[in-house]
């Protein structure tokens, strides 16, 4: 009986790999969820009902970020983001505005980057592809699953 249980655990245990990803805001978490579906544990730290430019991080936010396999953030407009990222390894960080292919829009009134980069459908695809690439490298057994989800997301974004 033990042997059967161990065999079942070995066969199915690996397919339930769960990657932990934390984002700063819900729209980024939504993109992650589209690509990772039930194989990703995704959370965001800045509540939707607050001004994300002035949000103050709580200890539980910091804990979520440090316990994650990946922390996704925009890179502009988020409050004191360097305090969250300074001690994390580069491979655990994804700065959206640094992704190759992201189109950055400058705000006319003060010539700064507009942080809502995910609103452009082409940018959303770039973000989703970067998430897919990360997930496929972290969880190789489910790489095709993430690719299929990304392709479906890409179709919906056209």
Protein backbone atom coordinates (compact mmCIF):
# COMPACT_ATOMS: atom_id res chain seq x y z
CA UNK A 1 0.00 0.00 0.00
CA UNK A 2 2.84 2.37 0.86
CA UNK A 3 4.45 1.66 -2.48
CA UNK A 4 1.25 2.50 -4.39
CA UNK A 5 0.85 5.75 -2.45
CA UNK A 6 4.46 6.76 -3.15
CA UNK A 7 4.07 5.93 -6.84
CA UNK A 8 0.91 8.02 -7.10
CA UNK A 9 2.58 10.85 -5.21
CA UNK A 10 5.61 10.77 -7.49
CA UNK A 11 3.52 10.63 -10.65
CA UNK A 12 1.12 13.39 -9.73
CA UNK A 13 3.00 15.39 -7.14
CA UNK A 14 5.27 17.02 -9.67
CA UNK A 15 2.41 18.10 -11.92
CA UNK A 16 0.96 20.19 -9.13
CA UNK A 17 3.96 22.48 -8.96
CA UNK A 18 2.85 25.87 -7.80
CA UNK A 19 4.92 28.90 -8.59
CA UNK A 20 4.46 31.92 -6.32
CA UNK A 21 4.30 35.30 -8.05
CA UNK A 22 3.55 38.63 -6.41
CA UNK A 23 2.79 41.80 -8.33
CA UNK A 24 2.38 45.37 -7.19
CA UNK A 25 -1.10 45.81 -8.68
CA UNK A 26 -4.13 43.72 -9.64
CA UNK A 27 -3.97 44.23 -13.44
CA UNK A 28 -0.52 42.64 -13.50
CA UNK A 29 -1.77 39.80 -11.28
CA UNK A 30 -4.66 39.27 -13.72
CA UNK A 31 -2.22 38.82 -16.62
CA UNK A 32 -0.18 36.34 -14.57
CA UNK A 33 -3.35 34.38 -13.73
CA UNK A 34 -4.32 34.19 -17.41
CA UNK A 35 -1.00 32.54 -18.25
CA UNK A 36 -0.50 30.44 -15.11
CA UNK A 37 -4.11 29.55 -14.29
CA UNK A 38 -4.30 27.11 -11.34
CA UNK A 39 -0.59 26.28 -11.41
CA UNK A 40 0.38 29.71 -10.12
CA UNK A 41 -0.22 31.23 -6.73
CA UNK A 42 -0.52 34.92 -7.57
CA UNK A 43 -1.03 37.85 -5.23
CA UNK A 44 -0.83 41.62 -5.48
CA UNK A 45 0.18 43.95 -2.69
CA UNK A 46 -1.40 47.32 -3.48
CA UNK A 47 -5.18 47.17 -2.97
CA UNK A 48 -7.36 48.28 -5.88
CA UNK A 49 -9.20 50.86 -3.80
CA UNK A 50 -6.15 53.01 -2.94
CA UNK A 51 -3.94 55.42 -4.83
CA UNK A 52 -1.02 53.21 -5.77
CA UNK A 53 1.29 56.23 -6.10
CA UNK A 54 1.08 56.94 -2.36
CA UNK A 55 0.58 53.43 -0.93
CA UNK A 56 2.75 52.52 2.06
CA UNK A 57 3.97 48.93 2.13
CA UNK A 58 3.03 46.84 5.13
CA UNK A 59 5.18 44.09 6.69
CA UNK A 60 2.87 41.44 5.19
CA UNK A 61 3.45 42.97 1.71
CA UNK A 62 7.20 42.70 2.16
CA UNK A 63 6.83 39.11 3.36
CA UNK A 64 4.78 38.19 0.26
CA UNK A 65 7.41 39.70 -2.02
CA UNK A 66 10.30 37.90 -0.33
CA UNK A 67 8.49 34.54 -0.27
CA UNK A 68 7.69 34.71 -3.99
CA UNK A 69 9.53 33.08 -6.84
CA UNK A 70 9.02 36.29 -8.83
CA UNK A 71 8.07 39.87 -8.01
CA UNK A 72 6.55 41.82 -10.90
CA UNK A 73 6.43 45.61 -10.73
CA UNK A 74 5.99 48.46 -13.19
CA UNK A 75 9.04 50.53 -12.34
CA UNK A 76 7.41 53.96 -12.51
CA UNK A 77 4.74 55.49 -10.29
CA UNK A 78 4.96 52.90 -7.52
CA UNK A 79 5.92 54.29 -4.15
CA UNK A 80 9.43 53.56 -2.88
CA UNK A 81 9.74 50.42 -4.99
CA UNK A 82 13.49 50.27 -4.45
CA UNK A 83 12.88 49.51 -0.77
CA UNK A 84 11.17 46.27 -1.85
CA UNK A 85 13.59 45.28 -4.58
CA UNK A 86 17.00 46.22 -3.23
CA UNK A 87 17.70 42.92 -1.46
CA UNK A 88 16.11 40.57 -3.99
CA UNK A 89 18.13 38.63 -6.55
CA UNK A 90 17.72 39.90 -10.11
CA UNK A 91 16.22 36.60 -11.28
CA UNK A 92 13.35 37.14 -8.81
CA UNK A 93 12.50 40.56 -10.30
CA UNK A 94 10.54 41.55 -13.38
CA UNK A 95 10.35 45.28 -14.05
CA UNK A 96 7.66 45.75 -16.67
CA UNK A 97 9.05 48.99 -18.08
CA UNK A 98 12.39 47.26 -18.73
CA UNK A 99 10.95 44.42 -20.80
CA UNK A 100 12.08 44.37 -24.41
CA UNK A 101 9.18 45.45 -26.63
CA UNK A 102 7.29 47.53 -24.05
CA UNK A 103 6.03 50.81 -25.46
CA UNK A 104 6.39 53.62 -22.90
CA UNK A 105 4.10 56.63 -23.05
CA UNK A 106 5.24 59.91 -21.56
CA UNK A 107 2.80 62.13 -19.71
CA UNK A 108 2.55 65.52 -21.41
CA UNK A 109 2.27 67.69 -18.33
CA UNK A 110 5.49 66.58 -16.59
CA UNK A 111 7.36 64.43 -19.12
CA UNK A 112 7.38 61.29 -16.93
CA UNK A 113 6.60 57.74 -17.98
CA UNK A 114 2.90 56.91 -17.60
CA UNK A 115 2.79 53.83 -15.36
CA UNK A 116 -0.36 52.21 -16.83
CA UNK A 117 1.63 50.38 -19.49
CA UNK A 118 -0.56 47.24 -19.32
CA UNK A 119 -3.49 49.14 -20.90
CA UNK A 120 -1.89 48.93 -24.34
CA UNK A 121 -2.85 45.47 -25.72
CA UNK A 122 0.58 45.05 -27.31
CA UNK A 123 2.24 45.75 -23.96
CA UNK A 124 -0.10 43.27 -22.27
CA UNK A 125 1.11 40.62 -24.73
CA UNK A 126 4.76 41.47 -23.97
CA UNK A 127 4.04 41.14 -20.24
CA UNK A 128 2.19 37.84 -20.73
CA UNK A 129 5.04 36.44 -22.84
CA UNK A 130 7.61 37.38 -20.20
CA UNK A 131 5.45 35.65 -17.57
CA UNK A 132 5.12 32.58 -19.80
CA UNK A 133 8.89 32.44 -20.31
CA UNK A 134 9.51 32.69 -16.56
CA UNK A 135 6.92 30.04 -15.70
CA UNK A 136 8.17 27.66 -18.40
CA UNK A 137 11.73 27.96 -17.08
CA UNK A 138 10.66 27.54 -13.45
CA UNK A 139 8.18 24.70 -14.06
CA UNK A 140 9.44 22.82 -17.13
CA UNK A 141 6.88 20.02 -16.80
CA UNK A 142 4.08 22.49 -17.48
CA UNK A 143 5.82 24.61 -20.11
CA UNK A 144 3.35 23.63 -22.84
CA UNK A 145 0.43 24.46 -20.53
CA UNK A 146 1.78 28.00 -20.02
CA UNK A 147 2.46 28.41 -23.74
CA UNK A 148 -1.11 27.37 -24.62
CA UNK A 149 -2.52 29.81 -22.08
CA UNK A 150 -0.30 32.59 -23.41
CA UNK A 151 -1.42 31.94 -27.00
CA UNK A 152 -5.05 32.07 -25.87
CA UNK A 153 -4.35 35.36 -24.06
CA UNK A 154 -2.68 36.71 -27.18
CA UNK A 155 -5.76 35.88 -29.29
CA UNK A 156 -8.07 37.62 -26.81
CA UNK A 157 -5.84 40.71 -26.82
CA UNK A 158 -6.12 41.29 -30.58
